[in-house]
């Protein structure tokens, strides 16, 4: 079995703005190994989030190839793509996107319930991962009863509860103060190592980005190695 979890080759993405065609990605190449942690930096509007959405199968490239666990996601129908995405990837965003009417336990268990896992097993697994992120005392609390850092830790738990091969995080600490951001980042690093899940983090925070094994920069639509640059 290949050690590559996620890859893309010669990835292009254009958007039409009226009669104008805007090229955002211009031949991006990337290969991520199992357990590897990569951060992607770049100027605002450089296409970092667009790239992450393409890698996660949330949007279609204009051209190029994306593979998740050696499966070309452009070569399969939407149902199979959703199954592959939901079974292999976890997503963390700048805003937690927790459902306000549900408890932390219910929010974290939701991906498992959607898979039709038995409720008791889903809740047991959600409680276990919430304990790992330090929220065992907050299981019954709704998002409005949690602090910003607690809400983001619950979002991390939700991304990990399905035991994904790769986690895609888009500015996961961008809405937090420095101290809380570092704590959440520490948590992601620890769980990345413990679960051997690959991790791609898009961030504007160079201090946090440099803590990843590899740093890449998106410049003029092309991904460049920046590990020794910052």
C-alpha atoms as a PDB file:
ATOM      1  CA  UNK A   1       0.000   0.000   0.000  1.00  0.00           C
ATOM      2  CA  UNK A   2       1.241   3.491  -0.858  1.00  0.00           C
ATOM      3  CA  UNK A   3       2.310   5.756   1.992  1.00  0.00           C
ATOM      4  CA  UNK A   4       0.755   8.745   0.198  1.00  0.00           C
ATOM      5  CA  UNK A   5      -2.507   9.903   1.754  1.00  0.00           C
ATOM      6  CA  UNK A   6      -3.303  12.947  -0.371  1.00  0.00           C
ATOM      7  CA  UNK A   7      -1.778  14.257  -3.590  1.00  0.00           C
ATOM      8  CA  UNK A   8      -2.461  16.567  -6.487  1.00  0.00           C
ATOM      9  CA  UNK A   9      -0.768  16.941  -9.844  1.00  0.00           C
ATOM     10  CA  UNK A  10      -0.755  19.945 -12.167  1.00  0.00           C
ATOM     11  CA  UNK A  11      -3.794  21.482 -10.473  1.00  0.00           C
ATOM     12  CA  UNK A  12      -5.370  24.531 -12.126  1.00  0.00           C
ATOM     13  CA  UNK A  13      -8.348  26.599 -11.009  1.00  0.00           C
ATOM     14  CA  UNK A  14      -9.908  29.522 -12.847  1.00  0.00           C
ATOM     15  CA  UNK A  15     -12.908  31.648 -11.961  1.00  0.00           C
ATOM     16  CA  UNK A  16     -14.988  33.748 -14.332  1.00  0.00           C
ATOM     17  CA  UNK A  17     -15.752  37.295 -13.212  1.00  0.00           C
ATOM     18  CA  UNK A  18     -18.020  38.618 -15.924  1.00  0.00           C
ATOM     19  CA  UNK A  19     -15.991  38.411 -19.114  1.00  0.00           C
ATOM     20  CA  UNK A  20     -12.739  38.207 -17.172  1.00  0.00           C
ATOM     21  CA  UNK A  21     -11.128  34.847 -16.377  1.00  0.00           C
ATOM     22  CA  UNK A  22      -9.070  34.862 -13.171  1.00  0.00           C
ATOM     23  CA  UNK A  23      -6.466  32.142 -12.679  1.00  0.00           C
ATOM     24  CA  UNK A  24      -6.001  31.334  -8.980  1.00  0.00           C
ATOM     25  CA  UNK A  25      -4.022  28.080  -9.118  1.00  0.00           C
ATOM     26  CA  UNK A  26      -1.547  27.528 -11.936  1.00  0.00           C
ATOM     27  CA  UNK A  27      -0.205  24.000 -11.806  1.00  0.00           C
ATOM     28  CA  UNK A  28      -0.023  23.072  -8.117  1.00  0.00           C
ATOM     29  CA  UNK A  29       1.732  19.831  -7.182  1.00  0.00           C
ATOM     30  CA  UNK A  30       1.598  18.288  -3.719  1.00  0.00           C
ATOM     31  CA  UNK A  31       2.168  14.929  -2.076  1.00  0.00           C
ATOM     32  CA  UNK A  32       1.394  14.260   1.584  1.00  0.00           C
ATOM     33  CA  UNK A  33       2.610  11.129   3.368  1.00  0.00           C
ATOM     34  CA  UNK A  34       0.790   9.340   6.171  1.00  0.00           C
ATOM     35  CA  UNK A  35       1.316  11.149   9.464  1.00  0.00           C
ATOM     36  CA  UNK A  36       3.004  14.138   7.795  1.00  0.00           C
ATOM     37  CA  UNK A  37       2.153  17.674   8.875  1.00  0.00           C
ATOM     38  CA  UNK A  38       2.277  20.487   6.330  1.00  0.00           C
ATOM     39  CA  UNK A  39       1.439  24.170   6.679  1.00  0.00           C
ATOM     40  CA  UNK A  40       0.574  26.367   3.710  1.00  0.00           C
ATOM     41  CA  UNK A  41       1.092  30.125   3.922  1.00  0.00           C
ATOM     42  CA  UNK A  42       0.514  32.934   1.468  1.00  0.00           C
ATOM     43  CA  UNK A  43      -0.891  36.412   1.058  1.00  0.00           C
ATOM     44  CA  UNK A  44      -4.582  37.058   1.538  1.00  0.00           C
ATOM     45  CA  UNK A  45      -6.406  36.122  -1.652  1.00  0.00           C
ATOM     46  CA  UNK A  46      -3.561  33.942  -2.925  1.00  0.00           C
ATOM     47  CA  UNK A  47      -5.829  30.897  -3.182  1.00  0.00           C
ATOM     48  CA  UNK A  48      -4.965  28.966  -0.010  1.00  0.00           C
ATOM     49  CA  UNK A  49      -8.581  28.222   0.917  1.00  0.00           C
ATOM     50  CA  UNK A  50      -9.414  27.435  -2.709  1.00  0.00           C
ATOM     51  CA  UNK A  51      -6.625  24.848  -2.767  1.00  0.00           C
ATOM     52  CA  UNK A  52      -7.826  23.296   0.480  1.00  0.00           C
ATOM     53  CA  UNK A  53     -11.399  23.049  -0.832  1.00  0.00           C
ATOM     54  CA  UNK A  54     -10.153  21.318  -3.974  1.00  0.00           C
ATOM     55  CA  UNK A  55      -8.010  18.875  -2.002  1.00  0.00           C
ATOM     56  CA  UNK A  56     -11.009  18.066   0.164  1.00  0.00           C
ATOM     57  CA  UNK A  57     -13.249  17.389  -2.812  1.00  0.00           C
ATOM     58  CA  UNK A  58     -15.502  20.321  -1.924  1.00  0.00           C
ATOM     59  CA  UNK A  59     -14.925  21.982  -5.282  1.00  0.00           C
ATOM     60  CA  UNK A  60     -13.885  20.870  -8.775  1.00  0.00           C
ATOM     61  CA  UNK A  61     -10.553  21.901 -10.326  1.00  0.00           C
ATOM     62  CA  UNK A  62     -10.477  23.411 -13.801  1.00  0.00           C
ATOM     63  CA  UNK A  63      -7.906  20.746 -14.664  1.00  0.00           C
ATOM     64  CA  UNK A  64      -5.454  18.443 -12.923  1.00  0.00           C
ATOM     65  CA  UNK A  65      -5.640  15.378 -10.714  1.00  0.00           C
ATOM     66  CA  UNK A  66      -6.392  14.922  -7.008  1.00  0.00           C
ATOM     67  CA  UNK A  67      -5.985  11.587  -5.255  1.00  0.00           C
ATOM     68  CA  UNK A  68      -7.145  10.573  -1.787  1.00  0.00           C
ATOM     69  CA  UNK A  69      -5.600   7.260  -0.710  1.00  0.00           C
ATOM     70  CA  UNK A  70      -4.586   6.680  -4.354  1.00  0.00           C
ATOM     71  CA  UNK A  71      -8.176   7.139  -5.549  1.00  0.00           C
ATOM     72  CA  UNK A  72      -8.643   9.807  -8.217  1.00  0.00           C
ATOM     73  CA  UNK A  73     -11.604  11.801  -6.899  1.00  0.00           C
ATOM     74  CA  UNK A  74     -12.323  13.282 -10.330  1.00  0.00           C
ATOM     75  CA  UNK A  75     -12.815   9.842 -11.794  1.00  0.00           C
ATOM     76  CA  UNK A  76     -15.672   8.740  -9.543  1.00  0.00           C
ATOM     77  CA  UNK A  77     -19.307   9.764  -9.215  1.00  0.00           C
ATOM     78  CA  UNK A  78     -20.537  12.224  -6.585  1.00  0.00           C
ATOM     79  CA  UNK A  79     -21.868   9.557  -4.212  1.00  0.00           C
ATOM     80  CA  UNK A  80     -18.563   7.673  -4.130  1.00  0.00           C
ATOM     81  CA  UNK A  81     -16.662  10.949  -3.815  1.00  0.00           C
ATOM     82  CA  UNK A  82     -18.740  11.886  -0.772  1.00  0.00           C
ATOM     83  CA  UNK A  83     -18.133   8.470   0.768  1.00  0.00           C
ATOM     84  CA  UNK A  84     -14.389   8.745   0.194  1.00  0.00           C
ATOM     85  CA  UNK A  85     -14.309  12.303   1.531  1.00  0.00           C
ATOM     86  CA  UNK A  86     -16.408  11.511   4.606  1.00  0.00           C
ATOM     87  CA  UNK A  87     -14.495   8.322   5.347  1.00  0.00           C
ATOM     88  CA  UNK A  88     -10.961   9.613   4.827  1.00  0.00           C
ATOM     89  CA  UNK A  89     -10.912  13.346   5.616  1.00  0.00           C
ATOM     90  CA  UNK A  90     -11.617  15.578   8.592  1.00  0.00           C
ATOM     91  CA  UNK A  91     -12.230  19.329   8.273  1.00  0.00           C
ATOM     92  CA  UNK A  92     -11.516  22.175  10.717  1.00  0.00           C
ATOM     93  CA  UNK A  93     -12.375  25.773   9.883  1.00  0.00           C
ATOM     94  CA  UNK A  94     -11.659  29.213  11.359  1.00  0.00           C
ATOM     95  CA  UNK A  95     -15.213  29.280  12.703  1.00  0.00           C
ATOM     96  CA  UNK A  96     -16.228  26.152  14.552  1.00  0.00           C
ATOM     97  CA  UNK A  97     -19.560  25.596  12.741  1.00  0.00           C
ATOM     98  CA  UNK A  98     -20.977  23.671  15.693  1.00  0.00           C
ATOM     99  CA  UNK A  99     -24.739  23.233  15.630  1.00  0.00           C
ATOM    100  CA  UNK A 100     -26.066  25.637  18.303  1.00  0.00           C
ATOM    101  CA  UNK A 101     -29.011  23.512  19.449  1.00  0.00           C
ATOM    102  CA  UNK A 102     -26.896  20.426  20.158  1.00  0.00           C
ATOM    103  CA  UNK A 103     -24.506  19.635  23.007  1.00  0.00           C
ATOM    104  CA  UNK A 104     -20.754  19.200  22.539  1.00  0.00           C
ATOM    105  CA  UNK A 105     -21.251  15.439  22.730  1.00  0.00           C
ATOM    106  CA  UNK A 106     -23.991  15.474  20.090  1.00  0.00           C
ATOM    107  CA  UNK A 107     -21.990  17.771  17.797  1.00  0.00           C
ATOM    108  CA  UNK A 108     -18.920  15.547  17.909  1.00  0.00           C
ATOM    109  CA  UNK A 109     -20.996  12.382  17.446  1.00  0.00           C
ATOM    110  CA  UNK A 110     -22.852  13.851  14.444  1.00  0.00           C
ATOM    111  CA  UNK A 111     -20.480  12.548  11.706  1.00  0.00           C
ATOM    112  CA  UNK A 112     -20.858   9.044  13.135  1.00  0.00           C
ATOM    113  CA  UNK A 113     -24.626   9.319  13.398  1.00  0.00           C
ATOM    114  CA  UNK A 114     -24.751  10.444   9.764  1.00  0.00           C
ATOM    115  CA  UNK A 115     -22.938   7.189   8.962  1.00  0.00           C
ATOM    116  CA  UNK A 116     -25.771   5.411  10.765  1.00  0.00           C
ATOM    117  CA  UNK A 117     -23.537   4.156  13.546  1.00  0.00           C
ATOM    118  CA  UNK A 118     -25.532   3.054  16.579  1.00  0.00           C
ATOM    119  CA  UNK A 119     -26.232   6.010  18.846  1.00  0.00           C
ATOM    120  CA  UNK A 120     -24.657   4.418  21.918  1.00  0.00           C
ATOM    121  CA  UNK A 121     -21.420   3.632  20.059  1.00  0.00           C
ATOM    122  CA  UNK A 122     -21.317   7.068  18.439  1.00  0.00           C
ATOM    123  CA  UNK A 123     -21.720   8.789  21.795  1.00  0.00           C
ATOM    124  CA  UNK A 124     -19.082   6.546  23.410  1.00  0.00           C
ATOM    125  CA  UNK A 125     -16.559   7.410  20.710  1.00  0.00           C
ATOM    126  CA  UNK A 126     -17.455  11.115  20.880  1.00  0.00           C
ATOM    127  CA  UNK A 127     -17.036  11.134  24.667  1.00  0.00           C
ATOM    128  CA  UNK A 128     -13.640   9.466  24.321  1.00  0.00           C
ATOM    129  CA  UNK A 129     -12.304  12.018  21.846  1.00  0.00           C
ATOM    130  CA  UNK A 130     -13.755  14.913  23.876  1.00  0.00           C
ATOM    131  CA  UNK A 131     -11.843  13.586  26.860  1.00  0.00           C
ATOM    132  CA  UNK A 132      -8.664  13.625  24.778  1.00  0.00           C
ATOM    133  CA  UNK A 133      -9.174  17.310  23.956  1.00  0.00           C
ATOM    134  CA  UNK A 134      -9.886  18.169  27.603  1.00  0.00           C
ATOM    135  CA  UNK A 135     -13.649  18.614  27.396  1.00  0.00           C
ATOM    136  CA  UNK A 136     -14.928  15.632  29.367  1.00  0.00           C
ATOM    137  CA  UNK A 137     -16.533  18.085  31.819  1.00  0.00           C
ATOM    138  CA  UNK A 138     -18.381  19.879  29.004  1.00  0.00           C
ATOM    139  CA  UNK A 139     -20.208  17.022  27.265  1.00  0.00           C
ATOM    140  CA  UNK A 140     -23.713  18.380  27.852  1.00  0.00           C
ATOM    141  CA  UNK A 141     -22.889  22.040  27.200  1.00  0.00           C
ATOM    142  CA  UNK A 142     -24.117  23.733  24.034  1.00  0.00           C
ATOM    143  CA  UNK A 143     -21.725  25.907  21.952  1.00  0.00           C
ATOM    144  CA  UNK A 144     -23.086  29.094  23.548  1.00  0.00           C
ATOM    145  CA  UNK A 145     -21.982  27.745  26.936  1.00  0.00           C
ATOM    146  CA  UNK A 146     -18.417  27.097  25.756  1.00  0.00           C
ATOM    147  CA  UNK A 147     -15.531  29.541  25.435  1.00  0.00           C
ATOM    148  CA  UNK A 148     -13.981  30.262  22.037  1.00  0.00           C
ATOM    149  CA  UNK A 149     -11.111  27.887  22.701  1.00  0.00           C
ATOM    150  CA  UNK A 150     -13.471  25.179  23.939  1.00  0.00           C
ATOM    151  CA  UNK A 151     -15.646  25.504  20.837  1.00  0.00           C
ATOM    152  CA  UNK A 152     -12.604  25.124  18.603  1.00  0.00           C
ATOM    153  CA  UNK A 153     -11.391  22.101  20.599  1.00  0.00           C
ATOM    154  CA  UNK A 154     -14.825  20.561  20.100  1.00  0.00           C
ATOM    155  CA  UNK A 155     -14.451  21.229  16.364  1.00  0.00           C
ATOM    156  CA  UNK A 156     -11.070  19.467  16.416  1.00  0.00           C
ATOM    157  CA  UNK A 157     -12.689  16.517  18.206  1.00  0.00           C
ATOM    158  CA  UNK A 158     -15.451  16.379  15.587  1.00  0.00           C
ATOM    159  CA  UNK A 159     -12.831  16.264  12.805  1.00  0.00           C
ATOM    160  CA  UNK A 160     -10.981  13.414  14.521  1.00  0.00           C
ATOM    161  CA  UNK A 161     -13.887  11.263  15.695  1.00  0.00           C
ATOM    162  CA  UNK A 162     -14.105   9.426  12.356  1.00  0.00           C
ATOM    163  CA  UNK A 163     -10.388   8.553  12.553  1.00  0.00           C
ATOM    164  CA  UNK A 164      -9.601  10.197   9.184  1.00  0.00           C
ATOM    165  CA  UNK A 165      -6.429   9.555   7.220  1.00  0.00           C
ATOM    166  CA  UNK A 166      -5.973  13.302   6.728  1.00  0.00           C
ATOM    167  CA  UNK A 167      -7.214  16.487   8.411  1.00  0.00           C
ATOM    168  CA  UNK A 168      -7.599  19.726   6.442  1.00  0.00           C
ATOM    169  CA  UNK A 169      -7.576  22.842   8.611  1.00  0.00           C
ATOM    170  CA  UNK A 170      -8.366  26.293   7.210  1.00  0.00           C
ATOM    171  CA  UNK A 171      -7.121  29.054   9.557  1.00  0.00           C
ATOM    172  CA  UNK A 172      -8.118  26.911  12.578  1.00  0.00           C
ATOM    173  CA  UNK A 173      -6.709  29.419  15.076  1.00  0.00           C
ATOM    174  CA  UNK A 174      -7.475  32.617  13.150  1.00  0.00           C
ATOM    175  CA  UNK A 175     -10.401  33.554  15.376  1.00  0.00           C
ATOM    176  CA  UNK A 176      -8.566  33.008  18.679  1.00  0.00           C
ATOM    177  CA  UNK A 177      -6.239  35.064  20.862  1.00  0.00           C
ATOM    178  CA  UNK A 178      -2.535  34.134  20.839  1.00  0.00           C
ATOM    179  CA  UNK A 179      -2.550  32.022  24.004  1.00  0.00           C
ATOM    180  CA  UNK A 180      -5.679  30.073  23.036  1.00  0.00           C
ATOM    181  CA  UNK A 181      -4.415  29.677  19.456  1.00  0.00           C
ATOM    182  CA  UNK A 182      -1.188  28.116  20.701  1.00  0.00           C
ATOM    183  CA  UNK A 183      -3.104  25.750  22.963  1.00  0.00           C
ATOM    184  CA  UNK A 184      -5.350  24.605  20.105  1.00  0.00           C
ATOM    185  CA  UNK A 185      -2.337  24.221  17.820  1.00  0.00           C
ATOM    186  CA  UNK A 186      -0.545  22.164  20.491  1.00  0.00           C
ATOM    187  CA  UNK A 187      -3.604  19.953  20.698  1.00  0.00           C
ATOM    188  CA  UNK A 188      -3.672  19.436  16.933  1.00  0.00           C
ATOM    189  CA  UNK A 189       0.023  18.524  16.927  1.00  0.00           C
ATOM    190  CA  UNK A 190      -0.445  16.027  19.738  1.00  0.00           C
ATOM    191  CA  UNK A 191      -3.446  14.355  18.153  1.00  0.00           C
ATOM    192  CA  UNK A 192      -1.726  14.357  14.753  1.00  0.00           C
ATOM    193  CA  UNK A 193       1.154  12.375  16.251  1.00  0.00           C
ATOM    194  CA  UNK A 194      -1.036  10.135  18.386  1.00  0.00           C
ATOM    195  CA  UNK A 195      -3.456   9.193  15.605  1.00  0.00           C
ATOM    196  CA  UNK A 196      -0.813   9.247  12.819  1.00  0.00           C
ATOM    197  CA  UNK A 197      -3.253  11.306  10.776  1.00  0.00           C
ATOM    198  CA  UNK A 198      -1.790  13.580   8.111  1.00  0.00           C
ATOM    199  CA  UNK A 199      -2.478  17.275   8.604  1.00  0.00           C
ATOM    200  CA  UNK A 200      -2.580  20.239   6.232  1.00  0.00           C
ATOM    201  CA  UNK A 201      -2.976  23.625   7.899  1.00  0.00           C
ATOM    202  CA  UNK A 202      -3.634  26.811   5.946  1.00  0.00           C
ATOM    203  CA  UNK A 203      -2.637  29.769   8.091  1.00  0.00           C
ATOM    204  CA  UNK A 204      -1.443  33.352   7.911  1.00  0.00           C
ATOM    205  CA  UNK A 205       0.358  32.893  11.265  1.00  0.00           C
ATOM    206  CA  UNK A 206       4.029  32.273  10.400  1.00  0.00           C
ATOM    207  CA  UNK A 207       4.927  31.529  14.023  1.00  0.00           C
ATOM    208  CA  UNK A 208       2.498  28.628  14.104  1.00  0.00           C
ATOM    209  CA  UNK A 209       3.201  27.574  10.511  1.00  0.00           C
ATOM    210  CA  UNK A 210       6.869  27.053  11.313  1.00  0.00           C
ATOM    211  CA  UNK A 211       5.982  24.378  13.850  1.00  0.00           C
ATOM    212  CA  UNK A 212       4.926  22.026  11.063  1.00  0.00           C
ATOM    213  CA  UNK A 213       7.366  19.544   9.546  1.00  0.00           C
ATOM    214  CA  UNK A 214       7.112  21.310   6.214  1.00  0.00           C
ATOM    215  CA  UNK A 215       6.066  24.809   5.198  1.00  0.00           C
ATOM    216  CA  UNK A 216       4.942  25.665   1.667  1.00  0.00           C
ATOM    217  CA  UNK A 217       4.020  29.068   0.263  1.00  0.00           C
ATOM    218  CA  UNK A 218       1.438  29.773  -2.411  1.00  0.00           C
ATOM    219  CA  UNK A 219       2.874  32.419  -4.722  1.00  0.00           C
ATOM    220  CA  UNK A 220       1.284  33.462  -8.022  1.00  0.00           C
ATOM    221  CA  UNK A 221      -0.775  30.285  -8.092  1.00  0.00           C
ATOM    222  CA  UNK A 222       2.164  27.932  -7.553  1.00  0.00           C
ATOM    223  CA  UNK A 223       3.123  26.052  -4.378  1.00  0.00           C
ATOM    224  CA  UNK A 224       6.772  26.525  -3.370  1.00  0.00           C
ATOM    225  CA  UNK A 225       8.833  24.958  -0.588  1.00  0.00           C
ATOM    226  CA  UNK A 226       9.275  27.530   2.178  1.00  0.00           C
ATOM    227  CA  UNK A 227      10.449  25.324   5.077  1.00  0.00           C
ATOM    228  CA  UNK A 228      13.736  27.199   5.527  1.00  0.00           C
ATOM    229  CA  UNK A 229      12.432  30.606   4.501  1.00  0.00           C
ATOM    230  CA  UNK A 230      10.724  31.829   7.690  1.00  0.00           C
END
